């Protein structure tokens, strides 16, 4: 098992290139199995969640050809099973997109209830509602298996009770091969919703309105092969933007879509950062102690819930009192106890965290409770005095490619070492002391 050891106190300076969007990749990879021709996907992030999903796709019989680290070719012609094994699905949330993809293509799918980070309840009731509206019979079988089956799928008018990214993508996948037209109201508008829709359209689907709260899907007879490049990762970009701010650095974040980062950029400007936007990059400069603000997580284009832990870590060192309100997940403040071990002054009350900024944090032995919280604790370690040792970095590797290497290239003192390798730990301390 690996851990990060971090010596804080160095500003991040330089350029970092952002990879493909993990959350878009999961929906796109699932959609790729719906064609019986080769589908070439480029700008694929090389992260654990993506690799697990590729294993699941290969496990049901599809041809998966990993051309290079960021390119894969998938052909769903050879699929021999509509049952996705629990050993794959239990590891990541996004594997449930295979439910919509297989149901759309074969009118039948069986997928184990998904796993992922324990950040709160993420029910599948809206997925079930959508599939049933299309004509499928959906039931939970013994052992936590979701079974969906239909004689045929027929378009319908579906109103989502809550804005759900997962349900929006799953219903798009299932309905693009259904008869007639499906209208999804109160749909999620996140950038990766648009990317999945654009990808399916490149395969011959007829989807309009992605990026708005009403999506119209006109069913087609079949999907064909395609070549498609995934959009940059909004959350990875935002994480490096906040890391630059926290360390009082100067970082050019490259290969991004600045529009996707508006909510993050606005908060950084509000607390005193300089943010400069270019065509496909954003520069963040911080040369003073930052101010306080209030943040409420909301569906896109609001402030992303996946950036909430990172901005909490940043505001823990800012001047004054800030308030974070989490409106998406109810269990997303577990990392606050770890920040408190480093000297942060944060009080959690229900779905709200009140942050009183402190002058400095102290390095400590801490543990990452989930993916984005792990990234936030790395940010805290980068600004803390002394050494921070962070366990459970496998969570971070679910969504960040070469995280410690990218930070090192910006000047951070961080290294991934074996948790039992005391000599490697001492060697690192000697090198950076």
Protein backbone atom coordinates (compact mmCIF):
# COMPACT_ATOMS: atom_id res chain seq x y z
CA UNK A 1 0.00 0.00 0.00
CA UNK A 2 1.28 3.45 -0.94
CA UNK A 3 1.21 6.79 0.84
CA UNK A 4 2.20 10.35 0.02
CA UNK A 5 4.84 12.13 2.05
CA UNK A 6 4.73 15.91 1.58
CA UNK A 7 6.92 18.72 2.85
CA UNK A 8 4.91 21.91 2.69
CA UNK A 9 5.84 25.53 2.26
CA UNK A 10 6.84 25.78 -1.41
CA UNK A 11 4.75 27.80 -3.93
CA UNK A 12 3.67 25.98 -7.06
CA UNK A 13 5.11 27.65 -10.16
CA UNK A 14 5.00 26.60 -13.81
CA UNK A 15 2.67 24.86 -16.24
CA UNK A 16 0.50 21.77 -15.88
CA UNK A 17 -1.39 19.91 -18.61
CA UNK A 18 -4.85 18.61 -17.71
CA UNK A 19 -5.97 15.17 -18.89
CA UNK A 20 -9.29 13.90 -20.19
CA UNK A 21 -12.39 14.11 -18.03
CA UNK A 22 -12.88 10.98 -15.91
CA UNK A 23 -16.62 11.47 -15.52
CA UNK A 24 -17.10 11.94 -19.27
CA UNK A 25 -14.87 8.95 -20.03
CA UNK A 26 -17.01 6.57 -17.96
CA UNK A 27 -20.19 7.41 -19.88
CA UNK A 28 -18.39 7.43 -23.23
CA UNK A 29 -16.72 4.05 -22.69
CA UNK A 30 -20.08 2.52 -21.78
CA UNK A 31 -21.67 4.06 -24.87
CA UNK A 32 -18.92 2.67 -27.08
CA UNK A 33 -20.18 -0.90 -26.59
CA UNK A 34 -23.48 0.03 -28.30
CA UNK A 35 -21.90 -0.10 -31.78
CA UNK A 36 -20.92 -3.25 -33.65
CA UNK A 37 -18.05 -1.38 -35.30
CA UNK A 38 -14.75 -0.10 -33.88
CA UNK A 39 -14.95 3.06 -31.78
CA UNK A 40 -11.69 4.95 -31.20
CA UNK A 41 -11.60 7.07 -28.04
CA UNK A 42 -8.77 9.59 -27.55
CA UNK A 43 -7.64 11.77 -24.62
CA UNK A 44 -8.62 8.99 -22.24
CA UNK A 45 -7.43 9.60 -18.66
CA UNK A 46 -5.23 6.81 -17.35
CA UNK A 47 -6.87 6.53 -13.92
CA UNK A 48 -8.09 3.57 -11.90
CA UNK A 49 -11.82 4.12 -12.50
CA UNK A 50 -11.33 4.10 -16.27
CA UNK A 51 -9.14 1.00 -16.17
CA UNK A 52 -11.66 -0.89 -14.02
CA UNK A 53 -14.47 -0.03 -16.44
CA UNK A 54 -12.37 -1.21 -19.39
CA UNK A 55 -11.85 -4.51 -17.55
CA UNK A 56 -15.63 -4.77 -17.07
CA UNK A 57 -16.24 -4.10 -20.78
CA UNK A 58 -13.69 -6.72 -21.74
CA UNK A 59 -15.27 -9.09 -19.23
CA UNK A 60 -18.62 -9.11 -21.07
CA UNK A 61 -16.87 -10.01 -24.32
CA UNK A 62 -16.25 -6.71 -26.12
CA UNK A 63 -12.95 -6.22 -27.94
CA UNK A 64 -10.83 -3.72 -25.99
CA UNK A 65 -7.59 -2.65 -27.66
CA UNK A 66 -5.53 -0.27 -25.52
CA UNK A 67 -3.54 1.43 -28.27
CA UNK A 68 -1.60 3.65 -25.88
CA UNK A 69 -1.98 5.17 -22.45
CA UNK A 70 -4.63 7.66 -23.59
CA UNK A 71 -6.22 5.90 -26.56
CA UNK A 72 -8.47 2.85 -26.69
CA UNK A 73 -10.40 1.08 -29.45
CA UNK A 74 -13.59 -0.76 -28.47
CA UNK A 75 -15.80 -3.01 -30.58
CA UNK A 76 -19.05 -4.24 -29.03
CA UNK A 77 -19.78 -6.74 -31.80
CA UNK A 78 -18.43 -9.68 -29.78
CA UNK A 79 -20.34 -9.04 -26.53
CA UNK A 80 -21.58 -12.36 -25.20
CA UNK A 81 -23.13 -11.40 -21.85
CA UNK A 82 -25.38 -8.64 -20.55
CA UNK A 83 -24.38 -9.39 -16.94
CA UNK A 84 -21.62 -7.20 -15.54
CA UNK A 85 -19.74 -9.03 -12.80
CA UNK A 86 -19.88 -7.64 -9.26
CA UNK A 87 -16.10 -7.79 -8.89
CA UNK A 88 -15.87 -4.99 -11.44
CA UNK A 89 -18.91 -2.94 -10.60
CA UNK A 90 -18.39 -2.78 -6.84
CA UNK A 91 -15.22 -0.75 -7.28
CA UNK A 92 -16.60 2.30 -9.09
CA UNK A 93 -19.86 4.19 -9.42
CA UNK A 94 -19.68 4.88 -13.15
CA UNK A 95 -19.91 1.22 -14.16
CA UNK A 96 -23.68 1.49 -13.89
CA UNK A 97 -23.67 3.27 -17.27
CA UNK A 98 -23.34 -0.21 -18.75
CA UNK A 99 -26.91 -0.77 -17.54
CA UNK A 100 -28.27 1.92 -19.89
CA UNK A 101 -25.94 0.97 -22.73
CA UNK A 102 -26.72 -2.75 -22.66
CA UNK A 103 -30.43 -2.18 -22.12
CA UNK A 104 -30.50 0.15 -25.11
CA UNK A 105 -28.62 -2.27 -27.36
CA UNK A 106 -29.89 -5.68 -26.23
CA UNK A 107 -33.09 -4.71 -24.35
CA UNK A 108 -31.68 -6.49 -21.32
CA UNK A 109 -28.99 -5.82 -18.71
CA UNK A 110 -27.96 -7.05 -15.28
CA UNK A 111 -25.53 -4.98 -13.24
CA UNK A 112 -24.58 -5.18 -9.57
CA UNK A 113 -25.41 -2.17 -7.41
CA UNK A 114 -22.45 0.18 -7.78
CA UNK A 115 -19.79 1.27 -5.32
CA UNK A 116 -17.39 4.22 -5.41
CA UNK A 117 -16.59 6.79 -2.72
CA UNK A 118 -18.63 6.80 0.46
CA UNK A 119 -19.72 10.44 0.30
CA UNK A 120 -23.43 9.91 0.87
CA UNK A 121 -26.53 8.39 -0.61
CA UNK A 122 -26.58 8.17 -4.39
CA UNK A 123 -29.85 6.33 -5.09
CA UNK A 124 -30.69 4.87 -8.47
CA UNK A 125 -34.41 5.60 -8.25
CA UNK A 126 -34.25 8.16 -11.08
CA UNK A 127 -32.42 5.65 -13.30
CA UNK A 128 -35.14 3.09 -12.55
CA UNK A 129 -37.88 5.65 -13.24
CA UNK A 130 -36.36 6.48 -16.62
CA UNK A 131 -35.91 2.87 -17.72
CA UNK A 132 -39.46 1.98 -16.71
CA UNK A 133 -40.82 4.96 -18.62
CA UNK A 134 -39.10 3.55 -21.71
CA UNK A 135 -40.90 0.23 -21.22
CA UNK A 136 -38.40 -1.83 -19.24
CA UNK A 137 -39.20 -3.92 -16.21
CA UNK A 138 -36.63 -3.10 -13.52
CA UNK A 139 -36.10 -5.03 -10.31
CA UNK A 140 -33.48 -5.52 -7.63
CA UNK A 141 -32.57 -9.19 -7.43
CA UNK A 142 -30.96 -11.10 -4.60
CA UNK A 143 -27.38 -10.07 -4.00
CA UNK A 144 -27.96 -6.46 -5.05
CA UNK A 145 -28.24 -7.06 -8.79
CA UNK A 146 -30.21 -4.53 -10.87
CA UNK A 147 -32.07 -6.30 -13.65
CA UNK A 148 -33.67 -4.40 -16.52
CA UNK A 149 -35.49 -6.07 -19.42
CA UNK A 150 -37.88 -4.96 -22.17
CA UNK A 151 -39.55 -6.49 -25.20
CA UNK A 152 -38.92 -3.14 -26.86
CA UNK A 153 -37.99 0.35 -25.73
CA UNK A 154 -40.27 3.21 -26.70
CA UNK A 155 -39.64 6.91 -26.25
CA UNK A 156 -41.47 8.76 -23.50
CA UNK A 157 -41.60 12.04 -21.58
CA UNK A 158 -39.44 11.68 -18.46
CA UNK A 159 -39.26 14.31 -15.72
CA UNK A 160 -36.42 13.74 -13.25
CA UNK A 161 -37.49 14.50 -9.68
CA UNK A 162 -33.98 15.67 -8.85
CA UNK A 163 -31.14 16.78 -11.12
CA UNK A 164 -29.06 13.62 -11.55
CA UNK A 165 -25.98 13.38 -13.75
CA UNK A 166 -25.96 9.57 -13.64
CA UNK A 167 -29.64 9.20 -14.48
CA UNK A 168 -29.41 11.74 -17.30
CA UNK A 169 -26.54 9.85 -18.94
CA UNK A 170 -28.10 6.41 -18.38
CA UNK A 171 -31.44 7.48 -19.88
CA UNK A 172 -29.66 9.04 -22.88
CA UNK A 173 -27.79 5.78 -23.45
CA UNK A 174 -30.91 3.60 -23.24
CA UNK A 175 -33.14 5.89 -25.30
CA UNK A 176 -30.87 6.58 -28.27
CA UNK A 177 -31.80 3.14 -29.73
CA UNK A 178 -35.43 3.25 -28.58
CA UNK A 179 -38.40 3.75 -30.86
CA UNK A 180 -39.72 7.30 -31.30
CA UNK A 181 -38.59 10.31 -29.21
CA UNK A 182 -37.66 10.61 -25.54
CA UNK A 183 -37.78 13.96 -23.73
CA UNK A 184 -35.76 14.24 -20.51
CA UNK A 185 -36.83 17.23 -18.39
CA UNK A 186 -34.91 18.61 -15.40
CA UNK A 187 -31.84 17.03 -16.96
CA UNK A 188 -28.34 17.63 -15.60
CA UNK A 189 -26.29 20.19 -17.54
CA UNK A 190 -22.70 19.29 -16.60
CA UNK A 191 -20.00 19.47 -19.30
CA UNK A 192 -19.65 15.70 -19.34
CA UNK A 193 -23.37 15.34 -20.12
CA UNK A 194 -22.72 17.38 -23.27
CA UNK A 195 -19.61 15.34 -24.06
CA UNK A 196 -21.44 12.00 -23.80
CA UNK A 197 -24.25 13.36 -26.01
CA UNK A 198 -21.75 14.65 -28.59
CA UNK A 199 -20.02 11.27 -28.57
CA UNK A 200 -23.27 9.37 -29.11
CA UNK A 201 -24.19 11.78 -31.92
CA UNK A 202 -20.83 11.06 -33.55
CA UNK A 203 -21.94 7.39 -33.62
CA UNK A 204 -25.22 8.27 -35.34
CA UNK A 205 -27.49 9.05 -32.38
CA UNK A 206 -29.92 11.99 -32.58
CA UNK A 207 -29.64 13.91 -29.29
CA UNK A 208 -30.47 17.61 -28.97
CA UNK A 209 -30.53 19.96 -26.00
CA UNK A 210 -27.63 18.50 -24.00
CA UNK A 211 -26.34 21.26 -21.74
CA UNK A 212 -29.87 22.54 -21.11
CA UNK A 213 -32.49 21.17 -18.74
CA UNK A 214 -34.48 19.58 -21.58
CA UNK A 215 -32.85 16.88 -23.72
CA UNK A 216 -34.60 15.34 -26.73
CA UNK A 217 -33.47 11.95 -27.97
CA UNK A 218 -34.89 10.69 -31.25
CA UNK A 219 -34.30 6.96 -31.49
CA UNK A 220 -32.26 5.54 -34.35
CA UNK A 221 -31.97 2.00 -35.69
CA UNK A 222 -28.30 1.44 -34.87
CA UNK A 223 -25.07 3.18 -33.97
CA UNK A 224 -21.87 3.04 -36.01
CA UNK A 225 -18.16 3.38 -35.36
CA UNK A 226 -16.56 6.70 -34.56
CA UNK A 227 -13.39 8.50 -33.48
CA UNK A 228 -13.84 10.86 -30.56
CA UNK A 229 -11.65 12.90 -28.17
CA UNK A 230 -12.78 13.39 -24.57
CA UNK A 231 -13.01 16.92 -23.12
CA UNK A 232 -10.50 18.09 -20.47
CA UNK A 233 -11.22 17.30 -16.83
CA UNK A 234 -12.93 20.21 -15.11
CA UNK A 235 -12.22 18.88 -11.61
CA UNK A 236 -8.54 18.13 -12.17
CA UNK A 237 -8.14 21.64 -13.58
CA UNK A 238 -9.97 23.17 -10.62
CA UNK A 239 -7.81 21.22 -8.18
CA UNK A 240 -4.60 22.63 -9.67
CA UNK A 241 -6.10 26.13 -9.74
CA UNK A 242 -6.83 25.93 -6.02
CA UNK A 243 -3.43 24.39 -5.33
CA UNK A 244 -1.80 27.40 -6.99
CA UNK A 245 -3.92 29.72 -4.83
CA UNK A 246 -3.27 27.83 -1.58
CA UNK A 247 0.51 27.80 -2.03
CA UNK A 248 0.67 31.45 -3.16
CA UNK A 249 1.93 30.27 -6.51
CA UNK A 250 1.74 31.12 -10.19
CA UNK A 251 0.45 28.26 -12.36
CA UNK A 252 -0.71 28.10 -15.98
CA UNK A 253 -3.30 25.31 -16.19
CA UNK A 254 -3.28 24.11 -19.82
CA UNK A 255 -5.64 22.03 -21.98
CA UNK A 256 -8.84 23.28 -20.35
CA UNK A 257 -12.14 24.80 -21.42
CA UNK A 258 -12.21 28.04 -19.35
CA UNK A 259 -16.00 28.29 -19.56
CA UNK A 260 -16.31 25.04 -17.59
CA UNK A 261 -14.28 26.64 -14.78
CA UNK A 262 -16.31 29.85 -14.39
CA UNK A 263 -17.70 29.04 -10.93
CA UNK A 264 -14.23 28.15 -9.62
CA UNK A 265 -12.55 31.17 -11.23
CA UNK A 266 -15.19 33.51 -9.81
CA UNK A 267 -14.56 32.32 -6.24
CA UNK A 268 -10.80 32.65 -6.64
CA UNK A 269 -11.16 36.22 -7.88
CA UNK A 270 -13.56 36.98 -5.04
CA UNK A 271 -11.02 35.97 -2.37
CA UNK A 272 -8.16 37.87 -3.98
CA UNK A 273 -6.49 35.73 -6.65
CA UNK A 274 -5.54 36.89 -10.10
CA UNK A 275 -7.16 34.67 -12.73
CA UNK A 276 -6.30 35.17 -16.40
CA UNK A 277 -8.15 33.20 -19.08
CA UNK A 278 -6.80 32.23 -22.51
CA UNK A 279 -8.32 30.12 -25.31
CA UNK A 280 -7.44 26.77 -23.74
CA UNK A 281 -5.67 27.65 -20.49
CA UNK A 282 -6.12 29.53 -17.22
CA UNK A 283 -3.41 31.23 -15.17
CA UNK A 284 -3.85 31.54 -11.41
CA UNK A 285 -1.59 33.85 -9.37
CA UNK A 286 -1.77 34.42 -5.61
CA UNK A 287 0.83 36.57 -3.84
CA UNK A 288 -0.93 37.46 -0.58
CA UNK A 289 -3.13 35.95 2.09
CA UNK A 290 -6.55 35.36 0.60
CA UNK A 291 -9.91 36.47 1.94
CA UNK A 292 -13.03 34.63 3.03
CA UNK A 293 -16.17 33.75 1.09
CA UNK A 294 -19.32 31.64 1.21
CA UNK A 295 -19.75 28.66 -1.13
CA UNK A 296 -22.81 26.54 -1.87
CA UNK A 297 -22.41 23.48 -4.07
CA UNK A 298 -24.96 23.27 -6.87
CA UNK A 299 -25.51 21.39 -10.12
CA UNK A 300 -23.65 22.90 -13.08
CA UNK A 301 -23.15 25.80 -13.76
CA UNK A 302 -23.00 26.22 -9.98
CA UNK A 303 -19.97 25.44 -7.83
CA UNK A 304 -19.13 21.71 -8.24
CA UNK A 305 -19.59 19.39 -5.28
CA UNK A 306 -16.39 17.63 -6.43
CA UNK A 307 -14.48 20.87 -5.68
CA UNK A 308 -15.97 21.39 -2.21
CA UNK A 309 -13.22 19.64 -0.18
CA UNK A 310 -10.46 21.46 -2.10
CA UNK A 311 -11.90 24.94 -1.53
CA UNK A 312 -12.48 24.09 2.14
CA UNK A 313 -8.77 23.31 2.48
CA UNK A 314 -7.93 26.62 0.77
CA UNK A 315 -10.29 28.66 2.97
CA UNK A 316 -8.91 27.02 6.12
CA UNK A 317 -5.87 29.30 5.65
CA UNK A 318 -7.72 32.36 4.38
CA UNK A 319 -8.47 35.47 6.41
CA UNK A 320 -11.81 35.62 8.22
CA UNK A 321 -14.78 33.27 8.44
CA UNK A 322 -16.12 31.31 5.46
CA UNK A 323 -19.22 29.12 5.19
CA UNK A 324 -19.49 26.06 2.93
CA UNK A 325 -22.95 24.61 2.25
CA UNK A 326 -23.07 21.15 0.66
CA UNK A 327 -26.37 20.70 -1.18
CA UNK A 328 -25.55 17.60 -3.27
CA UNK A 329 -24.21 14.88 -0.92
CA UNK A 330 -24.92 14.59 2.79
CA UNK A 331 -21.73 12.80 3.83
CA UNK A 332 -19.01 14.90 2.26
CA UNK A 333 -17.34 16.46 5.31
CA UNK A 334 -15.57 13.37 6.67
CA UNK A 335 -12.19 14.86 5.74
CA UNK A 336 -12.70 17.83 8.10
CA UNK A 337 -11.46 15.75 11.05
CA UNK A 338 -8.19 15.21 9.18
CA UNK A 339 -7.82 18.95 8.51
CA UNK A 340 -8.47 19.57 12.21
CA UNK A 341 -5.51 17.30 13.02
CA UNK A 342 -3.42 19.75 11.00
CA UNK A 343 -4.71 22.74 12.95
CA UNK A 344 -7.69 23.87 10.88
CA UNK A 345 -10.60 25.52 12.72
CA UNK A 346 -13.72 24.10 11.08
CA UNK A 347 -17.07 23.30 12.66
CA UNK A 348 -19.51 21.08 10.76
CA UNK A 349 -23.23 21.43 11.42
CA UNK A 350 -25.32 19.15 9.20
CA UNK A 351 -24.64 20.08 5.59
CA UNK A 352 -22.74 23.25 6.52
CA UNK A 353 -19.12 23.88 7.50
CA UNK A 354 -18.06 27.11 9.23
CA UNK A 355 -14.38 27.82 8.62
CA UNK A 356 -12.38 30.24 10.73
CA UNK A 357 -9.15 30.85 8.83
CA UNK A 358 -5.91 30.15 10.71
CA UNK A 359 -2.41 31.50 10.11
CA UNK A 360 -0.84 28.13 9.34
CA UNK A 361 -1.36 24.38 9.27
CA UNK A 362 0.99 21.79 10.72
CA UNK A 363 2.03 18.57 9.03
CA UNK A 364 0.44 15.40 10.41
CA UNK A 365 -0.23 11.73 9.70
CA UNK A 366 -3.64 11.72 8.01
CA UNK A 367 -5.78 9.49 5.81
CA UNK A 368 -7.83 10.17 2.66
CA UNK A 369 -11.49 9.13 3.15
CA UNK A 370 -12.43 9.49 -0.55
CA UNK A 371 -11.20 10.75 -3.93
CA UNK A 372 -11.76 14.53 -3.76
CA UNK A 373 -11.13 14.71 -0.02
CA UNK A 374 -7.79 13.04 -0.67
CA UNK A 375 -6.88 15.75 -3.18
CA UNK A 376 -7.91 18.40 -0.64
CA UNK A 377 -5.66 16.88 2.01
CA UNK A 378 -2.75 16.95 -0.45
CA UNK A 379 -3.41 20.68 -0.90
CA UNK A 380 -3.33 21.10 2.87
CA UNK A 381 -0.05 19.20 3.03
CA UNK A 382 1.47 21.46 0.39
CA UNK A 383 0.98 24.52 2.61
CA UNK A 384 1.51 22.95 6.05
CA UNK A 385 4.65 23.42 8.08
CA UNK A 386 6.76 20.27 8.30
CA UNK A 387 5.88 16.85 6.92
CA UNK A 388 2.47 15.42 6.09
CA UNK A 389 2.03 11.69 5.55
CA UNK A 390 -1.19 10.79 3.73
CA UNK A 391 -2.51 7.23 3.62
CA UNK A 392 -5.17 5.71 1.32
CA UNK A 393 -3.82 7.42 -1.81
CA UNK A 394 -5.53 4.76 -3.94
CA UNK A 395 -8.64 6.93 -3.62
CA UNK A 396 -6.80 9.80 -5.28
CA UNK A 397 -5.55 7.57 -8.09
CA UNK A 398 -9.16 6.78 -8.98
CA UNK A 399 -9.48 10.24 -10.52
CA UNK A 400 -6.05 11.89 -10.90
CA UNK A 401 -3.40 10.72 -13.31
CA UNK A 402 0.22 11.13 -12.15
CA UNK A 403 -0.93 13.55 -9.45
CA UNK A 404 2.29 13.60 -7.45
CA UNK A 405 4.42 13.81 -10.61
CA UNK A 406 2.50 16.84 -11.90
CA UNK A 407 2.83 18.54 -8.52
CA UNK A 408 6.55 17.77 -8.37
CA UNK A 409 7.02 19.36 -11.80
CA UNK A 410 5.47 22.54 -10.34
CA UNK A 411 7.99 22.57 -7.49
CA UNK A 412 6.14 20.66 -4.77
CA UNK A 413 8.02 18.38 -2.40
CA UNK A 414 5.88 15.24 -2.60
CA UNK A 415 6.66 11.58 -3.14
CA UNK A 416 4.68 8.34 -3.26
CA UNK A 417 6.31 5.65 -1.16
CA UNK A 418 5.43 2.22 0.20
CA UNK A 419 3.73 2.54 3.56
CA UNK A 420 6.19 0.02 5.07
CA UNK A 421 9.35 1.51 3.55
CA UNK A 422 10.85 3.53 6.40
CA UNK A 423 14.14 3.91 4.52
CA UNK A 424 12.41 5.56 1.56
CA UNK A 425 10.68 7.96 3.94
CA UNK A 426 13.94 8.96 5.57
CA UNK A 427 15.62 9.32 2.16
CA UNK A 428 12.89 11.73 1.06
CA UNK A 429 13.27 13.79 4.23
CA UNK A 430 17.02 14.06 3.68
CA UNK A 431 16.54 15.12 0.08
CA UNK A 432 14.14 17.97 0.86
CA UNK A 433 15.56 19.13 4.18
